[in-house]
Amino acid sequence: MPVQPIISTTQDHLPVHDIQENLVVLKNGSAAMVIETSAVNFGLLSQGEQDAIIYAYAALLNSLNFPIQILIRSERKDISAYLGLLAAAAKKQMSPTKRAWIESYRHFVAETVQRRNVLDKKFYIILPFLSLELGSAKSLGLAVTSQNRLPAPLTEIVKKALVALGPKRDHVIRQLERIGLTARQLINKELLSLLYRTYNPGYAAPEIDAVNLTAPLVEPIIKDNKIL
């Protein structure tokens, strides 16, 4: 008998099942809510300001009765949009001298970012919802026996995750505001962009339709007209 080829994709091996209602739903029935937060330059603060932030951060940790995950992502700074604005401004400039100044500045910014590898840091707090919180022994059995099947209907997982994670999100955001940070929950489009950049480092995320989230999480590697 001829050997049947194995037809699969990299995305079959990723833990993500879907993104619904601003939640990342995993294949094992778990879900996660992602909060993006700002940062503060601690070293530039006075001693009194540093003490206040330390006490507020300690209060945040002591107030938690649920798990959180802290994610810090460092990515190369994307200045393509800014360089495009400078190029457009140079074209509109009537004075040759000023046009040359803008072009010189544009080249300086591009070379500086490339030579010094300027990084952009993003800070996230992840609130997990475990499949065990679905509260069904039968669902737990399905999660163990099948890797390609959700332990419960997707709508049920999303509904219970929203009920469980909503108050936790509000509490964390309030505590972050006491530290002087600005925080907000990522929406569907932003979650897909974050996952795409995570699985495709060095690639800019494509334009993603906020309604039809069909962009692949992993781009294929093409060499000599063959997909690797």
Protein backbone atom coordinates (compact mmCIF):
# COMPACT_ATOMS: atom_id res chain seq x y z
CA MET A 1 0.00 0.00 0.00
CA PRO A 2 1.28 3.48 -0.81
CA VAL A 3 2.18 5.57 2.21
CA GLN A 4 -0.29 8.36 2.72
CA PRO A 5 1.40 11.75 3.16
CA ILE A 6 0.90 13.54 6.44
CA ILE A 7 -0.98 16.73 5.74
CA SER A 8 -0.63 19.19 8.58
CA THR A 9 0.30 22.78 9.29
CA THR A 10 2.32 24.46 11.98
CA GLN A 11 -0.83 26.05 13.34
CA ASP A 12 -2.21 22.61 14.15
CA HIS A 13 0.44 22.41 16.85
CA LEU A 14 -0.24 25.82 18.37
CA PRO A 15 -2.24 25.95 21.60
CA VAL A 16 -4.59 28.70 20.37
CA HIS A 17 -8.06 27.61 19.27
CA ASP A 18 -9.80 30.93 18.64
CA ILE A 19 -10.13 34.57 19.66
CA GLN A 20 -13.63 35.49 20.81
CA GLU A 21 -15.06 38.40 22.81
CA ASN A 22 -11.55 39.83 23.40
CA LEU A 23 -10.38 36.52 24.86
CA VAL A 24 -7.77 34.02 23.68
CA VAL A 25 -9.33 30.55 23.85
CA LEU A 26 -6.91 27.61 24.01
CA LYS A 27 -7.47 24.11 22.67
CA ASN A 28 -7.61 22.59 26.17
CA GLY A 29 -10.59 24.75 27.11
CA SER A 30 -8.61 27.41 28.97
CA ALA A 31 -8.83 31.08 28.10
CA ALA A 32 -6.90 34.26 28.79
CA MET A 33 -7.58 37.98 29.00
CA VAL A 34 -4.66 40.29 28.20
CA ILE A 35 -4.18 43.74 29.75
CA GLU A 36 -1.63 46.14 28.29
CA THR A 37 -0.09 48.55 30.77
CA SER A 38 2.20 51.54 30.60
CA ALA A 39 5.53 51.75 32.42
CA VAL A 40 7.37 54.22 34.62
CA ASN A 41 11.06 55.11 34.62
CA PHE A 42 11.72 54.16 38.23
CA GLY A 43 15.30 55.38 38.23
CA LEU A 44 14.33 58.98 37.42
CA LEU A 45 11.94 59.30 40.39
CA SER A 46 12.75 60.86 43.71
CA GLN A 47 13.17 58.69 46.80
CA GLY A 48 9.71 59.58 48.04
CA GLU A 49 8.11 58.77 44.68
CA GLN A 50 9.97 55.45 44.52
CA ASP A 51 8.76 54.51 48.01
CA ALA A 52 5.17 55.38 47.07
CA ILE A 53 5.32 53.14 43.98
CA ILE A 54 6.86 50.28 45.96
CA TYR A 55 4.10 50.45 48.56
CA ALA A 56 1.40 50.64 45.87
CA TYR A 57 2.92 47.64 44.04
CA ALA A 58 3.07 45.68 47.31
CA ALA A 59 -0.60 46.52 47.89
CA LEU A 60 -1.43 45.21 44.41
CA LEU A 61 0.34 41.90 45.06
CA ASN A 62 -1.24 41.51 48.50
CA SER A 63 -4.71 42.17 47.08
CA LEU A 64 -4.52 39.31 44.57
CA ASN A 65 -6.33 36.07 45.36
CA PHE A 66 -5.99 34.77 41.81
CA PRO A 67 -2.99 34.06 39.54
CA ILE A 68 -1.64 36.52 37.00
CA GLN A 69 1.14 36.33 34.42
CA ILE A 70 3.44 39.24 33.59
CA LEU A 71 4.75 39.44 30.02
CA ILE A 72 7.43 41.87 28.82
CA ARG A 73 8.07 41.86 25.08
CA SER A 74 11.03 43.59 23.44
CA GLU A 75 10.69 44.23 19.71
CA ARG A 76 12.77 46.19 17.27
CA LYS A 77 11.33 49.66 16.92
CA ASP A 78 9.18 50.01 13.80
CA ILE A 79 9.68 53.53 12.44
CA SER A 80 8.51 52.85 8.88
CA ALA A 81 5.42 55.04 9.34
CA TYR A 82 7.51 57.92 10.72
CA LEU A 83 10.02 57.64 7.87
CA GLY A 84 7.13 57.69 5.43
CA LEU A 85 5.85 60.94 6.95
CA LEU A 86 9.29 62.49 6.63
CA ALA A 87 9.57 61.39 2.99
CA ALA A 88 6.14 62.88 2.24
CA ALA A 89 7.10 66.12 3.99
CA ALA A 90 10.31 66.34 1.94
CA LYS A 91 8.37 65.98 -1.32
CA LYS A 92 5.99 68.78 -0.35
CA GLN A 93 8.79 71.14 0.66
CA MET A 94 9.36 73.83 -1.94
CA SER A 95 12.70 75.00 -0.56
CA PRO A 96 15.61 72.83 -1.77
CA THR A 97 17.57 73.62 1.39
CA LYS A 98 14.78 72.58 3.75
CA ARG A 99 14.10 69.51 1.61
CA ALA A 100 17.75 68.49 1.99
CA TRP A 101 17.53 69.01 5.77
CA ILE A 102 14.50 66.71 6.01
CA GLU A 103 16.15 64.05 3.86
CA SER A 104 19.32 64.24 5.94
CA TYR A 105 17.33 63.89 9.14
CA ARG A 106 15.37 60.95 7.70
CA HIS A 107 18.57 59.10 6.80
CA PHE A 108 20.02 59.87 10.23
CA VAL A 109 16.98 58.38 12.04
CA ALA A 110 16.94 55.28 9.83
CA GLU A 111 20.66 54.61 10.27
CA THR A 112 20.53 55.23 14.03
CA VAL A 113 17.70 52.78 14.59
CA GLN A 114 19.34 50.15 12.40
CA ARG A 115 22.84 50.56 13.85
CA ARG A 116 21.88 50.70 17.52
CA ASN A 117 19.04 48.19 17.26
CA VAL A 118 16.54 50.39 19.11
CA LEU A 119 14.00 48.25 20.94
CA ASP A 120 10.42 48.95 21.91
CA LYS A 121 9.21 47.34 25.14
CA LYS A 122 5.58 46.38 25.75
CA PHE A 123 4.18 45.29 29.11
CA TYR A 124 1.22 42.97 29.58
CA ILE A 125 -0.63 41.31 32.44
CA ILE A 126 -2.39 38.06 31.52
CA LEU A 127 -5.39 36.81 33.47
CA PRO A 128 -5.85 33.06 32.94
CA PHE A 129 -9.09 31.08 33.02
CA LEU A 130 -8.43 27.37 33.55
CA SER A 131 -10.50 24.63 31.92
CA LEU A 132 -11.01 23.18 35.41
CA GLU A 133 -13.21 26.20 36.13
CA LEU A 134 -15.76 24.91 33.61
CA GLY A 135 -16.99 22.73 36.46
CA SER A 136 -17.72 19.54 34.52
CA ALA A 137 -16.07 16.17 35.11
CA LYS A 138 -17.18 15.06 31.67
CA SER A 139 -15.53 18.11 30.12
CA LEU A 140 -12.35 17.32 31.99
CA GLY A 141 -12.36 13.82 30.49
CA LEU A 142 -12.73 15.21 26.98
CA ALA A 143 -9.84 17.60 27.57
CA VAL A 144 -7.59 14.70 28.47
CA THR A 145 -8.62 12.27 25.73
CA SER A 146 -8.82 14.61 22.75
CA GLN A 147 -6.33 17.30 21.77
CA ASN A 148 -8.33 18.52 18.77
CA ARG A 149 -11.63 18.95 20.50
CA LEU A 150 -12.71 21.57 23.02
CA PRO A 151 -13.86 20.13 26.36
CA ALA A 152 -17.03 22.24 26.14
CA PRO A 153 -18.85 24.36 23.53
CA LEU A 154 -16.92 27.50 22.59
CA THR A 155 -19.80 29.78 23.57
CA GLU A 156 -19.95 28.20 27.03
CA ILE A 157 -16.20 28.60 27.57
CA VAL A 158 -16.30 32.25 26.49
CA LYS A 159 -19.34 33.01 28.65
CA LYS A 160 -17.86 31.49 31.81
CA ALA A 161 -14.45 33.04 31.16
CA LEU A 162 -15.97 36.51 30.81
CA VAL A 163 -17.90 36.11 34.07
CA ALA A 164 -14.78 34.91 35.90
CA LEU A 165 -12.24 37.31 34.42
CA GLY A 166 -14.28 40.53 34.23
CA PRO A 167 -14.06 41.41 37.96
CA LYS A 168 -10.38 40.39 38.04
CA ARG A 169 -9.64 42.72 35.12
CA ASP A 170 -11.37 45.66 36.82
CA HIS A 171 -9.53 45.01 40.08
CA VAL A 172 -6.09 44.83 38.42
CA ILE A 173 -6.69 48.01 36.40
CA ARG A 174 -7.73 49.90 39.56
CA GLN A 175 -4.62 48.74 41.39
CA LEU A 176 -2.39 49.72 38.46
CA GLU A 177 -3.92 53.19 38.46
CA ARG A 178 -2.85 53.56 42.09
CA ILE A 179 0.73 53.03 40.93
CA GLY A 180 0.26 55.72 38.29
CA LEU A 181 0.04 53.35 35.32
CA THR A 182 -2.48 53.33 32.49
CA ALA A 183 -3.94 49.94 31.63
CA ARG A 184 -6.53 48.61 29.20
CA GLN A 185 -7.75 45.27 27.89
CA LEU A 186 -6.64 44.23 24.40
CA ILE A 187 -9.44 43.68 21.89
CA ASN A 188 -9.72 40.90 19.29
CA LYS A 189 -7.71 42.67 16.60
CA GLU A 190 -4.89 43.56 19.01
CA LEU A 191 -4.77 40.03 20.43
CA LEU A 192 -4.33 38.52 16.98
CA SER A 193 -1.63 41.07 16.15
CA LEU A 194 0.20 40.23 19.40
CA LEU A 195 0.05 36.49 18.70
CA TYR A 196 1.20 37.00 15.11
CA ARG A 197 4.24 39.02 16.22
CA THR A 198 5.01 36.44 18.92
CA TYR A 199 5.09 33.52 16.49
CA ASN A 200 6.69 35.54 13.67
CA PRO A 201 9.48 37.60 15.27
CA GLY A 202 10.89 40.21 12.97
CA TYR A 203 7.78 40.36 10.77
CA ALA A 204 5.25 43.17 10.87
CA ALA A 205 1.70 42.04 11.53
CA PRO A 206 -0.56 42.28 8.45
CA GLU A 207 -3.64 44.46 8.30
CA ILE A 208 -6.24 42.53 10.29
CA ASP A 209 -9.97 42.89 9.83
CA ALA A 210 -11.54 43.45 13.25
CA VAL A 211 -14.55 41.35 12.25
CA ASN A 212 -13.04 38.60 10.12
CA LEU A 213 -9.93 37.43 11.99
CA THR A 214 -8.50 35.19 9.29
CA ALA A 215 -4.80 36.13 9.25
CA PRO A 216 -2.60 33.09 9.95
CA LEU A 217 -0.60 33.07 13.17
CA VAL A 218 2.45 31.53 11.53
CA GLU A 219 3.71 32.51 8.10
CA PRO A 220 5.26 29.72 5.97
CA ILE A 221 8.94 29.85 5.14
CA ILE A 222 9.38 29.78 1.34
CA LYS A 223 12.72 28.85 -0.22
CA ASP A 224 13.30 27.96 -3.88
CA ASN A 225 9.53 28.16 -4.46
CA LYS A 226 8.98 25.44 -1.83
CA ILE A 227 7.19 25.77 1.50
CA LEU A 228 9.41 24.53 4.32
